[in-house]
Amino acid sequence: MFENHATTDTCVFSDSDHFFEQLTADVQTAKRSVCIQCMSFEADRVGTKLIELLGSKPTLERTLLIDQYSKYVVNDTFLNAPQGWMNQNNARTERKALDGLIIRAREMGIRIKFTNPMGFMMYRYPARNHKKMVLIDDRISYLGGMNFTEHNFHWTDIMIRHEEPDIANALKHSFDSDLKEAKAPPVTPINNHSTLYTLSGLSTKHTFQKILERIKLSDKVVAISPYISYPMLDAIAAVSDNSVIVPANNNKPFIRFIHGLQRYSNVNFKYIPGKMLHAKLLILDDEVAVYGSSNFDTISYFFEKEVILVNKDPILTTKLKTFISKLINQQP
């Protein structure tokens, strides 16, 4: 596990246990509200621990948004497939436990909403709400790739903690839009060093294009993503100095086939051994950090709801570059 890198305002957590320790401290000292959004939430050790944490603060306004994906996929097992019928990875048992945990949470006064219904015959399955964030008292925000499930907590991932009210406020608009099933602004300038991009699914391409154009103007790009693909890889391939860091042991192994296509022959892939790498991050020209929930893949581009923060804070960029260096240099 990597150690944390912290200043007063921004922390980069690449260790799920340390992330949850800090989250616990922030919730315990919160005065007004805690808002949490994730794609995957399960009734395992991590999900139960989160509900217990929120339940310990009954005076707070507590809201949990979960994508409907969690009703159909548990422990990376699709419940309507043969693996699900056979209760592979304890998936069906844990899914039944989820209903009880949700009832218990609501009895504690926690507001819970499942976002993005699958629709008839699950025709909207690709259109997931993929956002992951935590907002506390309109002051503290976390943004990154961690879901609240035990198997996700075993992966290598990052959550970035900010103590900037303007970032928290911008993310809160995204959160409230999903809560109210409304549209959020696609681009929100936050301050002189950060801009929030809100991807909304089928209308995402125009917003995503702004990020792709910025990449193509770069002299150097370093990318981390488990499932990176078109059109992000095409933009990265246009930059001569590029590195794309992906897991060697991917839970979606077909991604390796995509990386082998001739069109990506000049992309410098670095395959990281060991546990699943789930972080999502770009560093442009050693000075701009791009991070959030998006995997920078085809599904994100065409279908999913995402949040991406472009941040020019040099201190944060330095911390993230340190994380990348340790990631590349780790031994099998």
C-alpha atoms as a PDB file:
ATOM      1  CA  MET A   1       0.000   0.000   0.000  1.00  0.00           C
ATOM      2  CA  PHE A   2       1.093   3.530  -0.675  1.00  0.00           C
ATOM      3  CA  GLU A   3       1.356   6.109   2.060  1.00  0.00           C
ATOM      4  CA  ASN A   4      -0.796   9.205   2.037  1.00  0.00           C
ATOM      5  CA  HIS A   5       0.430  12.625   0.943  1.00  0.00           C
ATOM      6  CA  ALA A   6      -1.243  15.444   2.794  1.00  0.00           C
ATOM      7  CA  THR A   7      -1.300  19.169   3.283  1.00  0.00           C
ATOM      8  CA  THR A   8      -3.825  21.244   5.153  1.00  0.00           C
ATOM      9  CA  ASP A   9      -6.092  21.596   2.132  1.00  0.00           C
ATOM     10  CA  THR A  10      -5.614  18.535  -0.087  1.00  0.00           C
ATOM     11  CA  CYS A  11      -4.892  14.860   0.610  1.00  0.00           C
ATOM     12  CA  VAL A  12      -4.325  12.048  -1.860  1.00  0.00           C
ATOM     13  CA  PHE A  13      -5.516   8.733  -0.436  1.00  0.00           C
ATOM     14  CA  SER A  14      -4.346   5.617  -2.243  1.00  0.00           C
ATOM     15  CA  ASP A  15      -5.060   3.366   0.724  1.00  0.00           C
ATOM     16  CA  SER A  16      -8.740   2.573   1.332  1.00  0.00           C
ATOM     17  CA  ASP A  17      -8.275   2.026   5.064  1.00  0.00           C
ATOM     18  CA  HIS A  18      -6.647   5.430   5.524  1.00  0.00           C
ATOM     19  CA  PHE A  19      -9.342   6.998   3.340  1.00  0.00           C
ATOM     20  CA  PHE A  20     -12.062   5.544   5.569  1.00  0.00           C
ATOM     21  CA  GLU A  21     -10.218   6.644   8.726  1.00  0.00           C
ATOM     22  CA  GLN A  22     -10.166  10.245   7.495  1.00  0.00           C
ATOM     23  CA  LEU A  23     -13.762  10.013   6.300  1.00  0.00           C
ATOM     24  CA  THR A  24     -14.776   8.783   9.756  1.00  0.00           C
ATOM     25  CA  ALA A  25     -13.024  11.731  11.405  1.00  0.00           C
ATOM     26  CA  ASP A  26     -14.712  14.174   9.015  1.00  0.00           C
ATOM     27  CA  VAL A  27     -18.176  12.705   9.599  1.00  0.00           C
ATOM     28  CA  GLN A  28     -17.691  12.726  13.363  1.00  0.00           C
ATOM     29  CA  THR A  29     -16.844  16.444  13.313  1.00  0.00           C
ATOM     30  CA  ALA A  30     -19.487  17.416  10.731  1.00  0.00           C
ATOM     31  CA  LYS A  31     -22.033  20.026  11.785  1.00  0.00           C
ATOM     32  CA  ARG A  32     -24.755  19.932   9.127  1.00  0.00           C
ATOM     33  CA  SER A  33     -24.654  17.351   6.360  1.00  0.00           C
ATOM     34  CA  VAL A  34     -22.951  14.382   4.711  1.00  0.00           C
ATOM     35  CA  CYS A  35     -23.674  13.542   1.065  1.00  0.00           C
ATOM     36  CA  ILE A  36     -22.207  10.390  -0.483  1.00  0.00           C
ATOM     37  CA  GLN A  37     -22.513   9.122  -4.039  1.00  0.00           C
ATOM     38  CA  CYS A  38     -21.212   5.873  -5.510  1.00  0.00           C
ATOM     39  CA  MET A  39     -21.921   3.404  -8.275  1.00  0.00           C
ATOM     40  CA  SER A  40     -21.417   0.238  -6.211  1.00  0.00           C
ATOM     41  CA  PHE A  41     -22.585  -0.264  -2.651  1.00  0.00           C
ATOM     42  CA  GLU A  42     -22.822  -3.690  -1.036  1.00  0.00           C
ATOM     43  CA  ALA A  43     -23.950  -5.158   2.276  1.00  0.00           C
ATOM     44  CA  ASP A  44     -20.481  -6.371   3.173  1.00  0.00           C
ATOM     45  CA  ARG A  45     -18.006  -5.180   5.793  1.00  0.00           C
ATOM     46  CA  VAL A  46     -17.433  -1.838   4.051  1.00  0.00           C
ATOM     47  CA  GLY A  47     -21.069  -1.047   3.240  1.00  0.00           C
ATOM     48  CA  THR A  48     -22.199  -1.988   6.749  1.00  0.00           C
ATOM     49  CA  LYS A  49     -19.416   0.076   8.284  1.00  0.00           C
ATOM     50  CA  LEU A  50     -20.479   3.128   6.259  1.00  0.00           C
ATOM     51  CA  ILE A  51     -24.106   2.830   7.375  1.00  0.00           C
ATOM     52  CA  GLU A  52     -22.997   2.447  10.989  1.00  0.00           C
ATOM     53  CA  LEU A  53     -20.853   5.579  10.634  1.00  0.00           C
ATOM     54  CA  LEU A  54     -23.718   7.625   9.186  1.00  0.00           C
ATOM     55  CA  GLY A  55     -26.118   6.190  11.750  1.00  0.00           C
ATOM     56  CA  SER A  56     -23.875   7.381  14.574  1.00  0.00           C
ATOM     57  CA  LYS A  57     -24.644  11.024  13.664  1.00  0.00           C
ATOM     58  CA  PRO A  58     -28.462  11.283  13.770  1.00  0.00           C
ATOM     59  CA  THR A  59     -28.454  15.096  13.969  1.00  0.00           C
ATOM     60  CA  LEU A  60     -26.885  15.397  10.508  1.00  0.00           C
ATOM     61  CA  GLU A  61     -28.689  15.473   7.187  1.00  0.00           C
ATOM     62  CA  ARG A  62     -27.341  12.295   5.579  1.00  0.00           C
ATOM     63  CA  THR A  63     -27.935  11.370   1.931  1.00  0.00           C
ATOM     64  CA  LEU A  64     -26.620   8.361   0.028  1.00  0.00           C
ATOM     65  CA  LEU A  65     -26.990   8.083  -3.765  1.00  0.00           C
ATOM     66  CA  ILE A  66     -26.357   4.625  -5.232  1.00  0.00           C
ATOM     67  CA  ASP A  67     -26.586   3.619  -8.877  1.00  0.00           C
ATOM     68  CA  GLN A  68     -29.072   0.828  -9.650  1.00  0.00           C
ATOM     69  CA  TYR A  69     -26.105  -1.220 -10.839  1.00  0.00           C
ATOM     70  CA  SER A  70     -25.783  -2.383  -7.217  1.00  0.00           C
ATOM     71  CA  LYS A  71     -29.136  -4.144  -7.444  1.00  0.00           C
ATOM     72  CA  TYR A  72     -27.957  -6.296 -10.342  1.00  0.00           C
ATOM     73  CA  VAL A  73     -24.183  -6.723  -9.980  1.00  0.00           C
ATOM     74  CA  VAL A  74     -22.615  -7.814  -6.700  1.00  0.00           C
ATOM     75  CA  ASN A  75     -18.942  -8.697  -6.215  1.00  0.00           C
ATOM     76  CA  ASP A  76     -18.405  -8.245  -9.967  1.00  0.00           C
ATOM     77  CA  THR A  77     -21.044 -10.948 -10.542  1.00  0.00           C
ATOM     78  CA  PHE A  78     -24.095 -10.278 -12.741  1.00  0.00           C
ATOM     79  CA  LEU A  79     -26.997 -11.750 -10.789  1.00  0.00           C
ATOM     80  CA  ASN A  80     -29.022 -12.680 -13.894  1.00  0.00           C
ATOM     81  CA  ALA A  81     -26.170 -14.688 -15.408  1.00  0.00           C
ATOM     82  CA  PRO A  82     -25.352 -18.347 -14.619  1.00  0.00           C
ATOM     83  CA  GLN A  83     -22.616 -17.203 -12.214  1.00  0.00           C
ATOM     84  CA  GLY A  84     -25.221 -15.222 -10.291  1.00  0.00           C
ATOM     85  CA  TRP A  85     -27.705 -18.099 -10.221  1.00  0.00           C
ATOM     86  CA  MET A  86     -24.980 -20.290  -8.722  1.00  0.00           C
ATOM     87  CA  ASN A  87     -24.273 -17.606  -6.074  1.00  0.00           C
ATOM     88  CA  GLN A  88     -20.696 -17.184  -7.272  1.00  0.00           C
ATOM     89  CA  ASN A  89     -18.679 -14.897  -4.981  1.00  0.00           C
ATOM     90  CA  ASN A  90     -21.574 -15.023  -2.501  1.00  0.00           C
ATOM     91  CA  ALA A  91     -23.368 -12.585  -4.793  1.00  0.00           C
ATOM     92  CA  ARG A  92     -27.030 -13.547  -4.305  1.00  0.00           C
ATOM     93  CA  THR A  93     -26.667 -13.919  -0.546  1.00  0.00           C
ATOM     94  CA  GLU A  94     -25.091 -10.485  -0.296  1.00  0.00           C
ATOM     95  CA  ARG A  95     -27.733  -8.985  -2.579  1.00  0.00           C
ATOM     96  CA  LYS A  96     -30.488 -10.178  -0.217  1.00  0.00           C
ATOM     97  CA  ALA A  97     -28.586  -8.637   2.681  1.00  0.00           C
ATOM     98  CA  LEU A  98     -28.545  -5.294   0.846  1.00  0.00           C
ATOM     99  CA  ASP A  99     -32.322  -4.933   1.156  1.00  0.00           C
ATOM    100  CA  GLY A 100     -32.119  -5.372   4.910  1.00  0.00           C
ATOM    101  CA  LEU A 101     -29.233  -2.922   5.234  1.00  0.00           C
ATOM    102  CA  ILE A 102     -31.131  -0.283   3.237  1.00  0.00           C
ATOM    103  CA  ILE A 103     -34.200  -0.709   5.471  1.00  0.00           C
ATOM    104  CA  ARG A 104     -32.018  -0.384   8.546  1.00  0.00           C
ATOM    105  CA  ALA A 105     -30.334   2.755   7.164  1.00  0.00           C
ATOM    106  CA  ARG A 106     -33.664   4.416   6.412  1.00  0.00           C
ATOM    107  CA  GLU A 107     -34.862   3.628   9.918  1.00  0.00           C
ATOM    108  CA  MET A 108     -31.801   5.569  11.106  1.00  0.00           C
ATOM    109  CA  GLY A 109     -33.002   8.579   9.124  1.00  0.00           C
ATOM    110  CA  ILE A 110     -30.516   8.204   6.263  1.00  0.00           C
ATOM    111  CA  ARG A 111     -31.961   9.273   2.940  1.00  0.00           C
ATOM    112  CA  ILE A 112     -31.140   6.725   0.227  1.00  0.00           C
ATOM    113  CA  LYS A 113     -31.911   6.955  -3.467  1.00  0.00           C
ATOM    114  CA  PHE A 114     -31.027   4.597  -6.300  1.00  0.00           C
ATOM    115  CA  THR A 115     -30.200   6.540  -9.465  1.00  0.00           C
ATOM    116  CA  ASN A 116     -30.537   5.705 -13.168  1.00  0.00           C
ATOM    117  CA  PRO A 117     -33.204   2.976 -13.352  1.00  0.00           C
ATOM    118  CA  MET A 118     -32.346   0.122 -15.726  1.00  0.00           C
ATOM    119  CA  GLY A 119     -35.651   0.378 -17.601  1.00  0.00           C
ATOM    120  CA  PHE A 120     -37.683  -2.301 -19.370  1.00  0.00           C
ATOM    121  CA  MET A 121     -35.630  -5.440 -20.049  1.00  0.00           C
ATOM    122  CA  MET A 122     -32.608  -3.497 -18.693  1.00  0.00           C
ATOM    123  CA  TYR A 123     -32.231  -1.577 -21.957  1.00  0.00           C
ATOM    124  CA  ARG A 124     -30.515   1.271 -20.072  1.00  0.00           C
ATOM    125  CA  TYR A 125     -27.873  -0.973 -18.553  1.00  0.00           C
ATOM    126  CA  PRO A 126     -24.937   0.948 -20.132  1.00  0.00           C
ATOM    127  CA  ALA A 127     -26.303   4.301 -18.922  1.00  0.00           C
ATOM    128  CA  ARG A 128     -24.920   4.142 -15.414  1.00  0.00           C
ATOM    129  CA  ASN A 129     -24.338   6.946 -12.946  1.00  0.00           C
ATOM    130  CA  HIS A 130     -20.653   6.307 -12.375  1.00  0.00           C
ATOM    131  CA  LYS A 131     -19.915   9.204 -10.009  1.00  0.00           C
ATOM    132  CA  LYS A 132     -18.058   8.739  -6.707  1.00  0.00           C
ATOM    133  CA  MET A 133     -17.914  11.629  -4.270  1.00  0.00           C
ATOM    134  CA  VAL A 134     -18.315  12.636  -0.630  1.00  0.00           C
ATOM    135  CA  LEU A 135     -19.423  16.108   0.502  1.00  0.00           C
ATOM    136  CA  ILE A 136     -19.317  17.251   4.123  1.00  0.00           C
ATOM    137  CA  ASP A 137     -20.753  20.558   5.380  1.00  0.00           C
ATOM    138  CA  ASP A 138     -20.308  22.242   1.979  1.00  0.00           C
ATOM    139  CA  ARG A 139     -16.629  22.523   2.905  1.00  0.00           C
ATOM    140  CA  ILE A 140     -14.891  19.165   2.505  1.00  0.00           C
ATOM    141  CA  SER A 141     -15.111  17.078  -0.644  1.00  0.00           C
ATOM    142  CA  TYR A 142     -13.686  13.765  -1.786  1.00  0.00           C
ATOM    143  CA  LEU A 143     -13.472  12.825  -5.458  1.00  0.00           C
ATOM    144  CA  GLY A 144     -12.028   9.726  -7.103  1.00  0.00           C
ATOM    145  CA  GLY A 145     -12.738   6.118  -7.961  1.00  0.00           C
ATOM    146  CA  MET A 146     -13.547   4.280  -4.729  1.00  0.00           C
ATOM    147  CA  ASN A 147     -16.889   2.540  -4.300  1.00  0.00           C
ATOM    148  CA  PHE A 148     -18.160   1.364  -0.926  1.00  0.00           C
ATOM    149  CA  THR A 149     -17.656  -2.374  -1.343  1.00  0.00           C
ATOM    150  CA  GLU A 150     -15.150  -4.716   0.222  1.00  0.00           C
ATOM    151  CA  HIS A 151     -13.717  -6.006  -3.045  1.00  0.00           C
ATOM    152  CA  ASN A 152     -13.302  -2.443  -4.359  1.00  0.00           C
ATOM    153  CA  PHE A 153     -11.459  -1.518  -1.170  1.00  0.00           C
ATOM    154  CA  HIS A 154      -8.928  -4.262  -1.970  1.00  0.00           C
ATOM    155  CA  TRP A 155      -8.025  -2.577  -5.270  1.00  0.00           C
ATOM    156  CA  THR A 156      -5.447   0.162  -5.829  1.00  0.00           C
ATOM    157  CA  ASP A 157      -7.400   3.386  -6.217  1.00  0.00           C
ATOM    158  CA  ILE A 158      -7.347   7.044  -5.194  1.00  0.00           C
ATOM    159  CA  MET A 159      -9.673   9.474  -3.451  1.00  0.00           C
ATOM    160  CA  ILE A 160      -8.636  13.114  -3.321  1.00  0.00           C
ATOM    161  CA  ARG A 161      -9.795  15.168  -0.357  1.00  0.00           C
ATOM    162  CA  HIS A 162     -10.188  18.945  -0.742  1.00  0.00           C
ATOM    163  CA  GLU A 163     -10.891  21.569   1.872  1.00  0.00           C
ATOM    164  CA  GLU A 164     -12.024  24.152  -0.653  1.00  0.00           C
ATOM    165  CA  PRO A 165     -15.654  25.317  -0.282  1.00  0.00           C
ATOM    166  CA  ASP A 166     -15.831  26.365  -3.928  1.00  0.00           C
ATOM    167  CA  ILE A 167     -14.957  22.832  -5.100  1.00  0.00           C
ATOM    168  CA  ALA A 168     -17.451  21.367  -2.630  1.00  0.00           C
ATOM    169  CA  ASN A 169     -20.120  23.772  -3.868  1.00  0.00           C
ATOM    170  CA  ALA A 170     -19.576  22.831  -7.511  1.00  0.00           C
ATOM    171  CA  LEU A 171     -19.740  19.124  -6.707  1.00  0.00           C
ATOM    172  CA  LYS A 172     -22.873  19.700  -4.632  1.00  0.00           C
ATOM    173  CA  HIS A 173     -24.641  21.069  -7.723  1.00  0.00           C
ATOM    174  CA  SER A 174     -23.808  17.810  -9.511  1.00  0.00           C
ATOM    175  CA  PHE A 175     -25.006  15.773  -6.527  1.00  0.00           C
ATOM    176  CA  ASP A 176     -28.258  17.728  -6.181  1.00  0.00           C
ATOM    177  CA  SER A 177     -28.948  17.390  -9.903  1.00  0.00           C
ATOM    178  CA  ASP A 178     -28.813  13.608  -9.613  1.00  0.00           C
ATOM    179  CA  LEU A 179     -30.891  13.678  -6.452  1.00  0.00           C
ATOM    180  CA  LYS A 180     -33.574  15.744  -8.185  1.00  0.00           C
ATOM    181  CA  GLU A 181     -33.133  14.000 -11.559  1.00  0.00           C
ATOM    182  CA  ALA A 182     -32.247  17.305 -13.200  1.00  0.00           C
ATOM    183  CA  LYS A 183     -29.435  18.425 -15.487  1.00  0.00           C
ATOM    184  CA  ALA A 184     -26.211  19.884 -14.149  1.00  0.00           C
ATOM    185  CA  PRO A 185     -24.126  22.482 -16.028  1.00  0.00           C
ATOM    186  CA  PRO A 186     -21.667  20.635 -18.290  1.00  0.00           C
ATOM    187  CA  VAL A 187     -18.757  22.965 -17.468  1.00  0.00           C
ATOM    188  CA  THR A 188     -18.370  24.868 -14.197  1.00  0.00           C
ATOM    189  CA  PRO A 189     -15.362  27.195 -13.718  1.00  0.00           C
ATOM    190  CA  ILE A 190     -14.594  26.990 -10.000  1.00  0.00           C
ATOM    191  CA  ASN A 191     -11.622  29.253  -9.340  1.00  0.00           C
ATOM    192  CA  ASN A 192      -8.359  30.285 -10.971  1.00  0.00           C
ATOM    193  CA  HIS A 193      -6.951  26.754 -10.868  1.00  0.00           C
ATOM    194  CA  SER A 194      -9.883  24.338 -11.261  1.00  0.00           C
ATOM    195  CA  THR A 195     -12.842  23.557 -13.526  1.00  0.00           C
ATOM    196  CA  LEU A 196     -15.502  20.883 -13.091  1.00  0.00           C
ATOM    197  CA  TYR A 197     -16.802  18.886 -16.060  1.00  0.00           C
ATOM    198  CA  THR A 198     -20.104  17.074 -15.573  1.00  0.00           C
ATOM    199  CA  LEU A 199     -20.747  14.318 -18.092  1.00  0.00           C
ATOM    200  CA  SER A 200     -24.411  13.473 -18.509  1.00  0.00           C
ATOM    201  CA  GLY A 201     -24.507  10.336 -20.622  1.00  0.00           C
ATOM    202  CA  LEU A 202     -25.900  10.636 -24.140  1.00  0.00           C
ATOM    203  CA  SER A 203     -25.110  14.360 -24.326  1.00  0.00           C
ATOM    204  CA  THR A 204     -21.585  13.914 -22.980  1.00  0.00           C
ATOM    205  CA  LYS A 205     -19.593  14.027 -26.210  1.00  0.00           C
ATOM    206  CA  HIS A 206     -19.443  17.813 -26.528  1.00  0.00           C
ATOM    207  CA  THR A 207     -18.167  18.234 -22.961  1.00  0.00           C
ATOM    208  CA  PHE A 208     -15.706  15.350 -23.233  1.00  0.00           C
ATOM    209  CA  GLN A 209     -14.371  16.875 -26.455  1.00  0.00           C
ATOM    210  CA  LYS A 210     -13.035  19.877 -24.550  1.00  0.00           C
ATOM    211  CA  ILE A 211     -10.833  17.559 -22.480  1.00  0.00           C
ATOM    212  CA  LEU A 212      -9.686  15.671 -25.577  1.00  0.00           C
ATOM    213  CA  GLU A 213      -8.703  18.928 -27.255  1.00  0.00           C
ATOM    214  CA  ARG A 214      -6.654  19.952 -24.216  1.00  0.00           C
ATOM    215  CA  ILE A 215      -4.823  16.605 -24.303  1.00  0.00           C
ATOM    216  CA  LYS A 216      -3.941  16.979 -27.975  1.00  0.00           C
ATOM    217  CA  LEU A 217      -2.381  20.373 -27.223  1.00  0.00           C
ATOM    218  CA  SER A 218      -0.105  18.830 -24.586  1.00  0.00           C
ATOM    219  CA  ASP A 219       3.563  17.983 -25.057  1.00  0.00           C
ATOM    220  CA  LYS A 220       3.387  15.227 -22.441  1.00  0.00           C
ATOM    221  CA  VAL A 221       0.603  13.118 -20.983  1.00  0.00           C
ATOM    222  CA  VAL A 222       0.561  10.437 -18.304  1.00  0.00           C
ATOM    223  CA  ALA A 223      -2.695   8.511 -17.907  1.00  0.00           C
ATOM    224  CA  ILE A 224      -3.963   5.946 -15.403  1.00  0.00           C
ATOM    225  CA  SER A 225      -7.182   4.038 -15.984  1.00  0.00           C
ATOM    226  CA  PRO A 226      -8.273   0.406 -15.806  1.00  0.00           C
ATOM    227  CA  TYR A 227     -10.385   0.515 -18.989  1.00  0.00           C
ATOM    228  CA  ILE A 228      -8.996   3.378 -21.089  1.00  0.00           C
ATOM    229  CA  SER A 229     -10.044   3.189 -24.754  1.00  0.00           C
ATOM    230  CA  TYR A 230     -11.517   5.250 -27.608  1.00  0.00           C
ATOM    231  CA  PRO A 231     -11.613   8.251 -27.886  1.00  0.00           C
ATOM    232  CA  MET A 232      -9.194   9.039 -25.054  1.00  0.00           C
ATOM    233  CA  LEU A 233      -6.501   6.696 -26.359  1.00  0.00           C
ATOM    234  CA  ASP A 234      -6.699   8.330 -29.792  1.00  0.00           C
ATOM    235  CA  ALA A 235      -6.069  11.740 -28.232  1.00  0.00           C
ATOM    236  CA  ILE A 236      -3.155  10.369 -26.180  1.00  0.00           C
ATOM    237  CA  ALA A 237      -1.696   8.673 -29.269  1.00  0.00           C
ATOM    238  CA  ALA A 238      -1.466  12.128 -30.868  1.00  0.00           C
ATOM    239  CA  VAL A 239       0.977  13.216 -28.112  1.00  0.00           C
ATOM    240  CA  SER A 240       4.541  12.048 -28.734  1.00  0.00           C
ATOM    241  CA  ASP A 241       5.531  11.833 -25.046  1.00  0.00           C
ATOM    242  CA  ASN A 242       2.883   9.574 -23.557  1.00  0.00           C
ATOM    243  CA  SER A 243       2.521   6.898 -20.891  1.00  0.00           C
ATOM    244  CA  VAL A 244      -0.643   4.915 -20.150  1.00  0.00           C
ATOM    245  CA  ILE A 245      -0.650   2.969 -16.884  1.00  0.00           C
ATOM    246  CA  VAL A 246      -3.095   0.074 -16.664  1.00  0.00           C
ATOM    247  CA  PRO A 247      -3.464  -3.056 -14.519  1.00  0.00           C
ATOM    248  CA  ALA A 248      -1.810  -6.252 -15.751  1.00  0.00           C
ATOM    249  CA  ASN A 249      -4.527  -8.231 -13.964  1.00  0.00           C
ATOM    250  CA  ASN A 250      -7.674  -6.564 -15.280  1.00  0.00           C
ATOM    251  CA  ASN A 251     -11.171  -7.642 -14.246  1.00  0.00           C
ATOM    252  CA  LYS A 252     -12.134  -6.851 -17.860  1.00  0.00           C
ATOM    253  CA  PRO A 253      -9.400  -8.685 -19.790  1.00  0.00           C
ATOM    254  CA  PHE A 254     -10.729  -7.777 -23.259  1.00  0.00           C
ATOM    255  CA  ILE A 255      -9.260  -4.291 -22.729  1.00  0.00           C
ATOM    256  CA  ARG A 256      -5.815  -5.769 -23.446  1.00  0.00           C
ATOM    257  CA  PHE A 257      -7.033  -6.687 -26.957  1.00  0.00           C
ATOM    258  CA  ILE A 258      -8.039  -3.067 -27.617  1.00  0.00           C
ATOM    259  CA  HIS A 259      -4.623  -1.851 -26.549  1.00  0.00           C
ATOM    260  CA  GLY A 260      -3.038  -4.165 -29.104  1.00  0.00           C
ATOM    261  CA  LEU A 261      -4.736  -2.496 -32.072  1.00  0.00           C
ATOM    262  CA  GLN A 262      -2.414  -0.984 -34.663  1.00  0.00           C
ATOM    263  CA  ARG A 263      -3.863   2.496 -34.144  1.00  0.00           C
ATOM    264  CA  TYR A 264      -2.352   2.484 -30.625  1.00  0.00           C
ATOM    265  CA  SER A 265       1.064   1.152 -31.585  1.00  0.00           C
ATOM    266  CA  ASN A 266       2.785   4.370 -30.478  1.00  0.00           C
ATOM    267  CA  VAL A 267       1.102   4.414 -27.053  1.00  0.00           C
ATOM    268  CA  ASN A 268       3.528   3.541 -24.259  1.00  0.00           C
ATOM    269  CA  PHE A 269       1.506   1.118 -22.131  1.00  0.00           C
ATOM    270  CA  LYS A 270       2.810   0.254 -18.682  1.00  0.00           C
ATOM    271  CA  TYR A 271       1.136  -2.813 -17.175  1.00  0.00           C
ATOM    272  CA  ILE A 272       1.210  -2.775 -13.385  1.00  0.00           C
ATOM    273  CA  PRO A 273       1.340  -6.231 -11.743  1.00  0.00           C
ATOM    274  CA  GLY A 274      -0.445  -7.256  -8.571  1.00  0.00           C
ATOM    275  CA  LYS A 275      -3.932  -6.272  -7.487  1.00  0.00           C
ATOM    276  CA  MET A 276      -6.476  -4.524  -9.673  1.00  0.00           C
ATOM    277  CA  LEU A 277      -5.642  -0.890 -10.459  1.00  0.00           C
ATOM    278  CA  HIS A 278      -8.842   1.193 -10.464  1.00  0.00           C
ATOM    279  CA  ALA A 279      -7.499   4.772 -10.266  1.00  0.00           C
ATOM    280  CA  LYS A 280      -8.467   7.332 -12.938  1.00  0.00           C
ATOM    281  CA  LEU A 281      -6.015  10.161 -13.519  1.00  0.00           C
ATOM    282  CA  LEU A 282      -4.316  12.279 -16.183  1.00  0.00           C
ATOM    283  CA  ILE A 283      -1.298  14.521 -15.721  1.00  0.00           C
ATOM    284  CA  LEU A 284      -0.769  16.961 -18.595  1.00  0.00           C
ATOM    285  CA  ASP A 285       2.610  18.629 -19.120  1.00  0.00           C
ATOM    286  CA  ASP A 286       3.551  17.867 -15.488  1.00  0.00           C
ATOM    287  CA  GLU A 287       1.279  20.689 -14.339  1.00  0.00           C
ATOM    288  CA  VAL A 288      -2.419  19.885 -14.875  1.00  0.00           C
ATOM    289  CA  ALA A 289      -4.224  17.081 -13.000  1.00  0.00           C
ATOM    290  CA  VAL A 290      -7.414  15.608 -14.465  1.00  0.00           C
ATOM    291  CA  TYR A 291      -9.270  13.233 -12.151  1.00  0.00           C
ATOM    292  CA  GLY A 292     -12.674  12.055 -11.000  1.00  0.00           C
ATOM    293  CA  SER A 293     -14.945   9.103 -11.721  1.00  0.00           C
ATOM    294  CA  SER A 294     -14.409   8.649 -15.467  1.00  0.00           C
ATOM    295  CA  ASN A 295     -12.384   5.695 -16.766  1.00  0.00           C
ATOM    296  CA  PHE A 296     -11.729   7.681 -19.973  1.00  0.00           C
ATOM    297  CA  ASP A 297     -13.251   4.860 -21.995  1.00  0.00           C
ATOM    298  CA  THR A 298     -15.875   4.401 -24.700  1.00  0.00           C
ATOM    299  CA  ILE A 299     -18.651   3.706 -22.189  1.00  0.00           C
ATOM    300  CA  SER A 300     -17.918   6.943 -20.311  1.00  0.00           C
ATOM    301  CA  TYR A 301     -17.885   8.854 -23.581  1.00  0.00           C
ATOM    302  CA  PHE A 302     -21.218   7.617 -24.895  1.00  0.00           C
ATOM    303  CA  PHE A 303     -23.356   6.588 -21.939  1.00  0.00           C
ATOM    304  CA  GLU A 304     -22.363   7.250 -18.330  1.00  0.00           C
ATOM    305  CA  LYS A 305     -22.785  10.143 -15.935  1.00  0.00           C
ATOM    306  CA  GLU A 306     -19.381  11.242 -14.629  1.00  0.00           C
ATOM    307  CA  VAL A 307     -17.588  14.097 -12.899  1.00  0.00           C
ATOM    308  CA  ILE A 308     -14.099  15.193 -13.917  1.00  0.00           C
ATOM    309  CA  LEU A 309     -12.098  17.902 -12.156  1.00  0.00           C
ATOM    310  CA  VAL A 310      -9.312  19.704 -14.009  1.00  0.00           C
ATOM    311  CA  ASN A 311      -7.006  21.118 -11.363  1.00  0.00           C
ATOM    312  CA  LYS A 312      -3.868  23.236 -11.898  1.00  0.00           C
ATOM    313  CA  ASP A 313      -2.832  23.252  -8.238  1.00  0.00           C
ATOM    314  CA  PRO A 314       0.942  22.581  -8.430  1.00  0.00           C
ATOM    315  CA  ILE A 315       1.125  21.059  -4.939  1.00  0.00           C
ATOM    316  CA  LEU A 316      -1.580  18.529  -5.757  1.00  0.00           C
ATOM    317  CA  THR A 317       0.042  17.700  -9.092  1.00  0.00           C
ATOM    318  CA  THR A 318       3.332  16.993  -7.331  1.00  0.00           C
ATOM    319  CA  LYS A 319       1.622  14.604  -4.914  1.00  0.00           C
ATOM    320  CA  LEU A 320      -0.089  12.785  -7.748  1.00  0.00           C
ATOM    321  CA  LYS A 321       3.177  12.463  -9.666  1.00  0.00           C
ATOM    322  CA  THR A 322       4.711  10.894  -6.551  1.00  0.00           C
ATOM    323  CA  PHE A 323       1.833   8.407  -6.448  1.00  0.00           C
ATOM    324  CA  ILE A 324       2.441   7.575 -10.121  1.00  0.00           C
ATOM    325  CA  SER A 325       6.184   7.081  -9.589  1.00  0.00           C
ATOM    326  CA  LYS A 326       5.593   4.661  -6.726  1.00  0.00           C
ATOM    327  CA  LEU A 327       2.995   2.843  -8.776  1.00  0.00           C
ATOM    328  CA  ILE A 328       5.361   2.358 -11.712  1.00  0.00           C
ATOM    329  CA  ASN A 329       8.278   1.332  -9.520  1.00  0.00           C
ATOM    330  CA  GLN A 330       6.446  -1.194  -7.369  1.00  0.00           C
ATOM    331  CA  GLN A 331       7.622  -4.801  -7.630  1.00  0.00           C
ATOM    332  CA  PRO A 332       5.431  -7.772  -8.604  1.00  0.00           C
END
